[in-house]
Amino acid sequence: MAYGAPGLVLAALALTFYVFLPKYYADVVGIDLTVLGVVVLLSRVWDAVIDPAIGALSDRTRSRWGRRRPWMAFGAIPLAGTFMLLVVLPHIESPFLEGLYLGALTFLFFLFWTMVTVPYEALGAELSFVYDERTRLLGVREGAVLAGTLLAALIPIAVGLGVNLPAGAAGERQRYWLIGLTYAVLVMLLVGVCLLVVRERTWAESQRPTAFFRNLRTIWGNVPFRILLAAYATSALGVSVAATMILFYVEHVLGSGAGPVFLAIYLGIGTATVPVWIYLARRLEKRRAWLLALGVNTGAFVWAIFLGRGDAVLFGVIVLFSALGLGGVMALPPSMQADVIDYDEWKTGARREGEYIGFWSIIKKLAAALSAGLAFPLLDLSGYAPGALEQVPTAIWTLRLLYVGTPSVCNLIALAIAWRYPINRAMHERIRRDIDVRMAAAEAVAVG
């Protein structure tokens, strides 16, 4: 639980940045949609550069506190501070200067974000080597991630209830200031709990990675990792587009203001089903359980493309059934990722969680960047009018295709790719047995 705790607030920050802040920037602050999309895209390209670098540096860190925890400790406070600055963003008359200011803050935010999240996720991959136990461990973390996403969906509703906020843009600005303060406190508190309670493993010198650029070839040569990464990347792109577009879809396609409520239902059911998917992974194997989760999630969700104004209740039913697969979609890939890192140690002898998590993180962040960098300009080209109650038909259909069509197609492609994933329980047990024998032989030689 101490390990999973930071996942809650990190997920809340991510959802707020990708789902709530774009609409807040567009409708309240008044930032141009294309400028917003370009800023997010460029910042995530920068983020993609530093993810593997910080992952590799954390693999090579030597300190009395371990490899991962120093990075998390030094990144947490500035992460909280830059998020506060993002939610109190002032309106600047010059679109160029406004975009420059937002871009600089976003670059800093993701630098500190990476300093916390990449070592944090790498720490989880090395805490247990047992096939099913790591599914439970990382399932707890992903359950916390879903709970944090749910928290982020509910907080905009809860913040301000009991506080006399002014109407209009001024009230929204105060609301987001309170949201930012809440998350800043939670970042320092929950990361602090993890740092104090969780201890790291010690590693033999032979298990420490060597030259970074030479390692890139062996990472790409890890076939199970390539398959898993390709499937996850494809699915993550669709999920990111849907997350970015949900509030726009609910408001303008369904004619409802209950976007946060639908998001809360989806995330709440997804969080509740995580233990079920952990159980199914033990009975069916991880790959089969993940394929089943993708199928359930997509098979229910695709029907939302036919909905229109006044169909909010029917959309709620679709959300409910689609959410039954969400727990498995979220909880199982990290455990499979830890297995492919063991496969890498089997092949190379080195423990390189940071490098693998760094590349994995690139995919997550580029998917989120592409979702904003492509979806917002397409929405702009469709004739979407920010703040308008009525939108033109082309904008409505663009919202349908972006929110429903994109994730459905992406998940189907991910299913086809993941079908070839080769690591099952028997193969993983053989890998761990060979590694243990090799390490025992090395220790015997060293003692002798």
Protein backbone atom coordinates (compact mmCIF):
# COMPACT_ATOMS: atom_id res chain seq x y z
CA MET A 1 0.00 0.00 0.00
CA ALA A 2 2.90 2.34 0.76
CA TYR A 3 4.38 1.59 -2.67
CA GLY A 4 1.06 2.10 -4.45
CA ALA A 5 0.21 5.40 -2.68
CA PRO A 6 2.09 7.82 -5.01
CA GLY A 7 0.28 6.29 -7.98
CA LEU A 8 -2.93 7.90 -6.72
CA VAL A 9 -1.73 11.51 -6.86
CA LEU A 10 0.44 11.04 -9.97
CA ALA A 11 -2.62 9.76 -11.84
CA ALA A 12 -4.70 12.68 -10.55
CA LEU A 13 -2.11 15.13 -11.89
CA ALA A 14 -2.06 13.38 -15.28
CA LEU A 15 -5.84 13.36 -15.70
CA THR A 16 -6.13 16.99 -14.63
CA PHE A 17 -3.45 18.04 -17.11
CA TYR A 18 -4.82 16.08 -20.07
CA VAL A 19 -8.58 16.23 -19.49
CA PHE A 20 -9.48 19.27 -17.41
CA LEU A 21 -6.72 21.83 -18.07
CA PRO A 22 -7.11 21.88 -21.90
CA LYS A 23 -10.80 22.82 -21.60
CA TYR A 24 -9.98 25.28 -18.80
CA TYR A 25 -7.25 26.88 -20.92
CA ALA A 26 -9.50 27.06 -23.99
CA ASP A 27 -12.75 28.28 -22.38
CA VAL A 28 -11.54 30.26 -19.34
CA VAL A 29 -7.95 31.40 -19.97
CA GLY A 30 -8.61 31.84 -23.70
CA ILE A 31 -5.62 30.02 -25.21
CA ASP A 32 -5.92 29.16 -28.91
CA LEU A 33 -6.58 25.43 -29.47
CA THR A 34 -3.84 25.02 -32.07
CA VAL A 35 -1.31 26.80 -29.85
CA LEU A 36 -2.36 24.52 -26.99
CA GLY A 37 -1.93 21.38 -29.10
CA VAL A 38 1.52 22.46 -30.36
CA VAL A 39 2.73 23.33 -26.84
CA VAL A 40 1.68 19.95 -25.46
CA LEU A 41 3.16 18.07 -28.42
CA LEU A 42 6.55 19.83 -28.23
CA SER A 43 6.78 19.46 -24.46
CA ARG A 44 6.17 15.73 -24.71
CA VAL A 45 8.83 15.33 -27.41
CA TRP A 46 11.25 16.88 -24.90
CA ASP A 47 9.84 14.57 -22.28
CA ALA A 48 10.52 11.60 -24.55
CA VAL A 49 14.21 12.57 -24.63
CA ILE A 50 14.65 12.79 -20.86
CA ASP A 51 12.64 9.65 -19.91
CA PRO A 52 15.25 7.06 -20.96
CA ALA A 53 18.06 9.35 -19.78
CA ILE A 54 16.69 9.60 -16.25
CA GLY A 55 15.81 5.90 -16.26
CA ALA A 56 19.39 5.03 -17.25
CA LEU A 57 20.85 7.43 -14.66
CA SER A 58 18.69 5.91 -11.92
CA ASP A 59 19.92 2.41 -12.91
CA ARG A 60 23.49 3.63 -12.34
CA THR A 61 22.87 5.64 -9.17
CA ARG A 62 24.75 4.49 -6.07
CA SER A 63 23.66 5.82 -2.69
CA ARG A 64 22.89 4.62 0.80
CA TRP A 65 19.18 5.16 0.01
CA GLY A 66 19.22 3.06 -3.17
CA ARG A 67 18.93 3.77 -6.91
CA ARG A 68 15.37 5.09 -7.17
CA ARG A 69 14.41 6.91 -4.00
CA PRO A 70 16.88 9.85 -4.28
CA TRP A 71 15.37 10.80 -7.65
CA MET A 72 11.84 10.64 -6.27
CA ALA A 73 12.80 12.75 -3.25
CA PHE A 74 14.44 15.52 -5.29
CA GLY A 75 11.65 15.62 -7.91
CA ALA A 76 8.56 15.70 -5.68
CA ILE A 77 8.66 19.28 -4.33
CA PRO A 78 9.39 21.06 -7.66
CA LEU A 79 6.75 18.85 -9.30
CA ALA A 80 4.17 20.16 -6.83
CA GLY A 81 5.34 23.75 -7.39
CA THR A 82 5.21 23.70 -11.19
CA PHE A 83 1.73 22.17 -11.15
CA MET A 84 0.54 25.04 -8.96
CA LEU A 85 1.93 27.50 -11.52
CA LEU A 86 0.13 25.68 -14.34
CA VAL A 87 -3.28 25.98 -12.68
CA VAL A 88 -2.89 29.71 -11.90
CA LEU A 89 -1.82 30.48 -15.47
CA PRO A 90 -2.45 34.20 -16.23
CA HIS A 91 -4.01 35.46 -19.44
CA ILE A 92 -1.34 37.12 -21.64
CA GLU A 93 -2.48 39.33 -24.51
CA SER A 94 0.18 38.11 -26.97
CA PRO A 95 -0.65 34.55 -28.16
CA PHE A 96 3.06 33.97 -28.85
CA LEU A 97 4.17 35.00 -25.35
CA GLU A 98 1.27 33.10 -23.80
CA GLY A 99 2.27 29.95 -25.67
CA LEU A 100 5.93 30.49 -24.72
CA TYR A 101 5.08 30.87 -21.04
CA LEU A 102 2.81 27.81 -21.03
CA GLY A 103 5.43 25.83 -22.93
CA ALA A 104 8.21 26.69 -20.46
CA LEU A 105 6.07 25.68 -17.49
CA THR A 106 5.01 22.46 -19.22
CA PHE A 107 8.64 21.58 -19.99
CA LEU A 108 9.59 22.03 -16.32
CA PHE A 109 6.51 20.14 -15.10
CA PHE A 110 7.36 17.08 -17.18
CA LEU A 111 11.05 17.20 -16.21
CA PHE A 112 10.14 16.91 -12.52
CA TRP A 113 7.33 14.47 -13.36
CA THR A 114 9.90 12.17 -14.99
CA MET A 115 12.27 12.46 -12.02
CA VAL A 116 9.49 11.02 -9.85
CA THR A 117 7.56 8.63 -12.09
CA VAL A 118 10.31 6.75 -13.98
CA PRO A 119 12.27 5.73 -10.83
CA TYR A 120 8.96 5.06 -9.04
CA GLU A 121 7.76 2.62 -11.70
CA ALA A 122 11.22 1.05 -11.99
CA LEU A 123 11.16 0.43 -8.24
CA GLY A 124 7.95 -1.59 -8.60
CA ALA A 125 9.42 -3.87 -11.27
CA GLU A 126 12.24 -4.96 -8.95
CA LEU A 127 10.40 -5.42 -5.64
CA SER A 128 9.24 -8.97 -6.43
CA PHE A 129 10.34 -11.66 -8.91
CA VAL A 130 7.39 -14.01 -8.27
CA TYR A 131 5.09 -14.32 -11.33
CA ASP A 132 1.71 -13.87 -9.57
CA GLU A 133 2.92 -11.79 -6.62
CA ARG A 134 4.17 -9.02 -8.90
CA THR A 135 0.73 -8.98 -10.56
CA ARG A 136 -0.80 -8.29 -7.14
CA LEU A 137 1.89 -5.72 -6.25
CA LEU A 138 1.68 -3.79 -9.51
CA GLY A 139 -2.08 -4.34 -9.57
CA VAL A 140 -2.27 -2.43 -6.27
CA ARG A 141 -0.30 0.39 -7.88
CA GLU A 142 -2.53 0.46 -10.95
CA GLY A 143 -5.59 0.28 -8.70
CA ALA A 144 -4.23 3.38 -6.95
CA VAL A 145 -3.73 4.97 -10.38
CA LEU A 146 -7.38 4.32 -11.25
CA ALA A 147 -8.47 5.60 -7.83
CA GLY A 148 -6.39 8.74 -8.37
CA THR A 149 -7.96 9.25 -11.77
CA LEU A 150 -11.36 8.89 -10.10
CA LEU A 151 -10.30 11.42 -7.47
CA ALA A 152 -9.32 13.84 -10.21
CA ALA A 153 -12.73 13.37 -11.85
CA LEU A 154 -14.57 14.09 -8.58
CA ILE A 155 -12.48 16.94 -7.21
CA PRO A 156 -13.70 19.56 -9.74
CA ILE A 157 -17.23 18.76 -8.49
CA ALA A 158 -16.31 18.75 -4.81
CA VAL A 159 -13.98 21.77 -4.74
CA GLY A 160 -15.97 24.87 -4.14
CA LEU A 161 -18.95 23.18 -2.45
CA GLY A 162 -19.01 25.09 0.84
CA VAL A 163 -16.87 27.92 -0.57
CA ASN A 164 -18.57 30.98 -2.01
CA LEU A 165 -16.83 31.15 -5.39
CA PRO A 166 -17.66 34.02 -7.76
CA ALA A 167 -19.48 33.24 -10.98
CA GLY A 168 -17.83 32.91 -14.37
CA ALA A 169 -14.12 32.85 -15.19
CA ALA A 170 -13.03 34.30 -11.84
CA GLY A 171 -14.76 31.47 -9.98
CA GLU A 172 -13.18 28.85 -12.23
CA ARG A 173 -9.75 30.33 -11.63
CA GLN A 174 -10.26 30.13 -7.85
CA ARG A 175 -11.54 26.56 -8.17
CA TYR A 176 -8.42 25.47 -10.03
CA TRP A 177 -6.19 27.23 -7.50
CA LEU A 178 -7.77 25.10 -4.76
CA ILE A 179 -7.38 21.96 -6.91
CA GLY A 180 -3.70 22.74 -7.49
CA LEU A 181 -3.07 23.30 -3.78
CA THR A 182 -4.76 19.97 -2.92
CA TYR A 183 -2.58 18.03 -5.35
CA ALA A 184 0.62 19.82 -4.33
CA VAL A 185 0.10 18.72 -0.72
CA LEU A 186 -0.77 15.15 -1.77
CA VAL A 187 2.35 14.84 -3.95
CA MET A 188 4.65 15.62 -1.05
CA LEU A 189 2.67 13.52 1.44
CA LEU A 190 2.20 10.30 -0.57
CA VAL A 191 5.64 10.28 -2.18
CA GLY A 192 7.04 10.87 1.31
CA VAL A 193 5.17 7.82 2.68
CA CYS A 194 6.62 5.63 -0.07
CA LEU A 195 10.16 6.90 0.53
CA LEU A 196 9.94 6.27 4.27
CA VAL A 197 8.37 2.79 4.17
CA VAL A 198 9.62 1.04 1.01
CA ARG A 199 13.19 -0.28 0.92
CA GLU A 200 15.16 -1.16 -2.18
CA ARG A 201 17.05 -4.31 -3.09
CA THR A 202 20.84 -4.40 -3.21
CA TRP A 203 22.45 -5.53 -6.45
CA ALA A 204 25.68 -7.32 -7.30
CA GLU A 205 28.15 -5.27 -9.33
CA SER A 206 27.70 -7.71 -12.23
CA GLN A 207 23.99 -6.81 -12.39
CA ARG A 208 24.62 -3.10 -12.91
CA PRO A 209 24.22 -1.94 -16.52
CA THR A 210 27.17 -0.61 -18.52
CA ALA A 211 27.27 1.80 -21.48
CA PHE A 212 23.85 3.26 -22.23
CA PHE A 213 24.00 3.54 -26.03
CA ARG A 214 25.31 0.00 -26.42
CA ASN A 215 22.36 -1.16 -24.32
CA LEU A 216 19.84 0.32 -26.76
CA ARG A 217 20.53 -2.47 -29.25
CA THR A 218 19.84 -5.19 -26.70
CA ILE A 219 16.63 -3.49 -25.55
CA TRP A 220 15.33 -3.45 -29.11
CA GLY A 221 16.47 -7.06 -29.48
CA ASN A 222 14.14 -8.11 -26.64
CA VAL A 223 11.33 -9.58 -28.75
CA PRO A 224 8.74 -9.99 -25.94
CA PHE A 225 9.33 -6.33 -24.99
CA ARG A 226 8.86 -5.19 -28.59
CA ILE A 227 5.56 -7.04 -28.88
CA LEU A 228 4.26 -5.79 -25.54
CA LEU A 229 5.39 -2.21 -26.21
CA ALA A 230 3.79 -2.12 -29.67
CA ALA A 231 0.47 -3.43 -28.36
CA TYR A 232 0.49 -1.11 -25.35
CA ALA A 233 1.48 1.93 -27.44
CA THR A 234 -1.38 1.37 -29.88
CA SER A 235 -3.92 0.98 -27.09
CA ALA A 236 -2.50 3.94 -25.14
CA LEU A 237 -2.91 6.25 -28.13
CA GLY A 238 -6.61 5.47 -28.32
CA VAL A 239 -7.08 5.82 -24.57
CA SER A 240 -5.30 9.20 -24.59
CA VAL A 241 -7.48 10.57 -27.39
CA ALA A 242 -10.63 9.43 -25.56
CA ALA A 243 -9.44 10.97 -22.27
CA THR A 244 -8.69 14.27 -24.01
CA MET A 245 -12.06 14.38 -25.77
CA ILE A 246 -14.52 13.05 -23.18
CA LEU A 247 -15.68 16.39 -21.78
CA PHE A 248 -16.09 17.81 -25.29
CA TYR A 249 -18.06 14.71 -26.41
CA VAL A 250 -20.42 14.67 -23.43
CA GLU A 251 -21.17 18.38 -23.61
CA HIS A 252 -21.55 18.85 -27.35
CA VAL A 253 -22.61 15.42 -28.70
CA LEU A 254 -24.84 14.31 -25.83
CA GLY A 255 -25.86 17.80 -24.71
CA SER A 256 -25.05 16.95 -21.09
CA GLY A 257 -23.01 18.64 -18.38
CA ALA A 258 -22.40 15.35 -16.56
CA GLY A 259 -18.97 14.60 -18.06
CA PRO A 260 -17.21 14.34 -14.66
CA VAL A 261 -20.01 12.07 -13.41
CA PHE A 262 -19.61 9.64 -16.34
CA LEU A 263 -15.85 9.72 -15.84
CA ALA A 264 -16.32 8.94 -12.15
CA ILE A 265 -18.60 5.97 -12.93
CA TYR A 266 -16.12 4.61 -15.46
CA LEU A 267 -13.13 4.94 -13.16
CA GLY A 268 -14.97 3.75 -10.06
CA ILE A 269 -16.08 0.50 -11.71
CA GLY A 270 -12.64 0.06 -13.27
CA THR A 271 -10.96 0.43 -9.87
CA ALA A 272 -13.38 -2.04 -8.27
CA THR A 273 -12.67 -4.69 -10.94
CA VAL A 274 -8.86 -4.68 -10.53
CA PRO A 275 -8.92 -7.61 -8.01
CA VAL A 276 -11.09 -9.61 -10.43
CA TRP A 277 -8.57 -9.15 -13.26
CA ILE A 278 -5.67 -10.05 -10.95
CA TYR A 279 -7.53 -13.30 -10.17
CA LEU A 280 -8.23 -13.94 -13.87
CA ALA A 281 -4.55 -13.36 -14.70
CA ARG A 282 -3.65 -16.11 -12.26
CA ARG A 283 -6.19 -18.51 -13.79
CA LEU A 284 -5.89 -17.64 -17.49
CA GLU A 285 -2.28 -16.32 -17.71
CA LYS A 286 -1.56 -12.61 -18.08
CA ARG A 287 -1.72 -12.41 -21.88
CA ARG A 288 -5.13 -14.08 -22.17
CA ALA A 289 -6.57 -11.98 -19.36
CA TRP A 290 -5.30 -8.77 -20.98
CA LEU A 291 -6.75 -9.74 -24.37
CA LEU A 292 -10.09 -10.46 -22.69
CA ALA A 293 -10.01 -7.08 -20.91
CA LEU A 294 -9.32 -5.24 -24.18
CA GLY A 295 -12.17 -7.11 -25.86
CA VAL A 296 -14.70 -6.32 -23.11
CA ASN A 297 -13.67 -2.67 -22.96
CA THR A 298 -13.87 -2.12 -26.71
CA GLY A 299 -16.89 -4.31 -27.45
CA ALA A 300 -19.10 -2.25 -25.16
CA PHE A 301 -17.64 1.19 -25.93
CA VAL A 302 -17.84 1.15 -29.75
CA TRP A 303 -21.65 1.60 -29.68
CA ALA A 304 -21.26 5.15 -28.32
CA ILE A 305 -20.48 6.34 -31.86
CA PHE A 306 -24.21 6.14 -32.70
CA LEU A 307 -25.37 8.34 -29.80
CA GLY A 308 -26.56 11.92 -30.05
CA ARG A 309 -28.18 14.71 -28.08
CA GLY A 310 -30.39 13.41 -25.28
CA ASP A 311 -28.76 9.95 -25.11
CA ALA A 312 -26.98 10.53 -21.80
CA VAL A 313 -28.72 7.63 -20.02
CA LEU A 314 -27.84 5.18 -22.78
CA PHE A 315 -24.28 6.46 -22.72
CA GLY A 316 -24.20 5.74 -18.98
CA VAL A 317 -25.09 2.09 -19.68
CA ILE A 318 -22.31 1.86 -22.28
CA VAL A 319 -19.86 3.41 -19.83
CA LEU A 320 -20.83 0.87 -17.16
CA PHE A 321 -20.24 -2.19 -19.36
CA SER A 322 -17.08 -0.78 -20.94
CA ALA A 323 -15.63 -0.10 -17.48
CA LEU A 324 -15.78 -3.83 -16.65
CA GLY A 325 -12.69 -4.31 -18.81
CA LEU A 326 -10.82 -1.21 -17.63
CA GLY A 327 -9.25 -2.82 -14.54
CA GLY A 328 -7.57 -5.48 -16.67
CA VAL A 329 -6.50 -3.05 -19.39
CA MET A 330 -4.71 -0.97 -16.73
CA ALA A 331 -3.47 -3.51 -14.18
CA LEU A 332 -1.94 -6.30 -16.30
CA PRO A 333 0.60 -4.67 -18.68
CA PRO A 334 2.94 -3.46 -15.85
CA SER A 335 3.26 -7.04 -14.55
CA MET A 336 3.97 -8.29 -18.09
CA GLN A 337 6.51 -5.49 -18.42
CA ALA A 338 8.32 -6.71 -15.28
CA ASP A 339 8.46 -10.20 -16.83
CA VAL A 340 10.15 -8.91 -20.00
CA ILE A 341 12.73 -7.11 -17.81
CA ASP A 342 13.51 -10.49 -16.23
CA TYR A 343 13.85 -11.86 -19.78
CA ASP A 344 16.41 -9.12 -20.45
CA GLU A 345 18.40 -10.06 -17.33
CA TRP A 346 18.30 -13.69 -18.50
CA LYS A 347 19.85 -12.59 -21.81
CA THR A 348 22.28 -9.87 -20.64
CA GLY A 349 22.89 -10.41 -16.90
CA ALA A 350 22.02 -6.76 -16.04
CA ARG A 351 19.05 -5.26 -14.17
CA ARG A 352 17.87 -2.32 -16.27
CA GLU A 353 14.44 -1.45 -14.94
CA GLY A 354 15.09 2.28 -15.34
CA GLU A 355 16.00 2.03 -19.01
CA TYR A 356 13.00 -0.16 -19.81
CA ILE A 357 10.60 2.01 -17.81
CA GLY A 358 12.08 5.07 -19.52
CA PHE A 359 11.23 3.72 -22.96
CA TRP A 360 7.84 2.53 -21.75
CA SER A 361 7.19 6.00 -20.37
CA ILE A 362 8.09 7.54 -23.73
CA ILE A 363 5.27 5.60 -25.32
CA LYS A 364 2.73 6.66 -22.70
CA LYS A 365 3.72 10.31 -23.00
CA LEU A 366 4.00 10.41 -26.78
CA ALA A 367 0.55 8.83 -26.97
CA ALA A 368 -0.78 11.59 -24.75
CA ALA A 369 1.11 14.22 -26.76
CA LEU A 370 -0.17 12.90 -30.09
CA SER A 371 -3.70 12.86 -28.71
CA ALA A 372 -3.50 16.58 -27.99
CA GLY A 373 -1.25 17.51 -30.90
CA LEU A 374 -3.55 15.82 -33.43
CA ALA A 375 -7.00 15.93 -31.85
CA PHE A 376 -7.12 19.64 -31.04
CA PRO A 377 -6.05 20.87 -34.50
CA LEU A 378 -8.52 18.43 -36.11
CA LEU A 379 -11.24 19.73 -33.84
CA ASP A 380 -10.25 23.29 -34.72
CA LEU A 381 -10.39 22.49 -38.46
CA SER A 382 -13.83 20.90 -38.05
CA GLY A 383 -15.29 24.27 -37.08
CA TYR A 384 -15.44 23.80 -33.30
CA ALA A 385 -16.15 27.12 -31.57
CA PRO A 386 -14.69 27.26 -28.02
CA GLY A 387 -17.31 28.22 -25.43
CA ALA A 388 -20.23 28.01 -27.88
CA LEU A 389 -23.35 26.09 -26.79
CA GLU A 390 -24.14 24.87 -30.32
CA GLN A 391 -21.52 23.34 -32.64
CA VAL A 392 -21.66 22.74 -36.39
CA PRO A 393 -22.42 19.16 -37.60
CA THR A 394 -18.83 18.60 -38.80
CA ALA A 395 -17.54 19.35 -35.30
CA ILE A 396 -20.07 16.93 -33.78
CA TRP A 397 -19.01 14.09 -36.09
CA THR A 398 -15.34 14.86 -35.53
CA LEU A 399 -15.94 14.51 -31.79
CA ARG A 400 -17.66 11.15 -32.32
CA LEU A 401 -14.84 9.81 -34.47
CA LEU A 402 -12.12 11.07 -32.16
CA TYR A 403 -13.72 9.99 -28.88
CA VAL A 404 -15.19 6.63 -29.93
CA GLY A 405 -13.68 5.59 -33.27
CA THR A 406 -10.02 6.18 -32.48
CA PRO A 407 -9.79 4.10 -29.25
CA SER A 408 -11.92 1.30 -30.72
CA VAL A 409 -9.69 0.88 -33.77
CA CYS A 410 -6.52 1.20 -31.67
CA ASN A 411 -7.64 -1.52 -29.25
CA LEU A 412 -8.45 -3.91 -32.09
CA ILE A 413 -4.96 -3.42 -33.51
CA ALA A 414 -3.47 -3.91 -30.01
CA LEU A 415 -5.36 -7.20 -29.69
CA ALA A 416 -3.83 -8.49 -32.92
CA ILE A 417 -0.31 -7.50 -31.83
CA ALA A 418 -0.56 -8.85 -28.25
CA TRP A 419 -1.70 -12.25 -29.52
CA ARG A 420 1.98 -13.06 -30.24
CA TYR A 421 3.28 -12.22 -26.72
CA PRO A 422 5.28 -15.35 -25.69
CA ILE A 423 6.01 -15.22 -21.93
CA ASN A 424 3.75 -17.43 -19.80
CA ARG A 425 4.12 -18.77 -16.26
CA ALA A 426 6.24 -21.81 -17.21
CA MET A 427 8.63 -19.73 -19.33
CA HIS A 428 9.01 -17.10 -16.60
CA GLU A 429 9.74 -19.71 -13.93
CA ARG A 430 12.44 -21.21 -16.17
CA ILE A 431 13.95 -17.74 -16.70
CA ARG A 432 14.08 -17.00 -12.96
CA ARG A 433 15.52 -20.44 -12.19
CA ASP A 434 18.34 -19.95 -14.71
CA ILE A 435 19.12 -16.48 -13.31
CA ASP A 436 19.24 -17.80 -9.73
CA VAL A 437 21.58 -20.64 -10.73
CA ARG A 438 23.87 -18.20 -12.54
CA MET A 439 23.98 -15.78 -9.58
CA ALA A 440 24.66 -18.63 -7.12
CA ALA A 441 27.56 -19.83 -9.29
CA ALA A 442 28.99 -16.30 -9.47
CA GLU A 443 28.80 -15.96 -5.67
CA ALA A 444 30.52 -19.31 -5.21
CA VAL A 445 33.37 -18.24 -7.49
CA ALA A 446 33.70 -14.91 -5.64
CA VAL A 447 33.84 -16.63 -2.25
CA GLY A 448 36.29 -19.24 -3.50
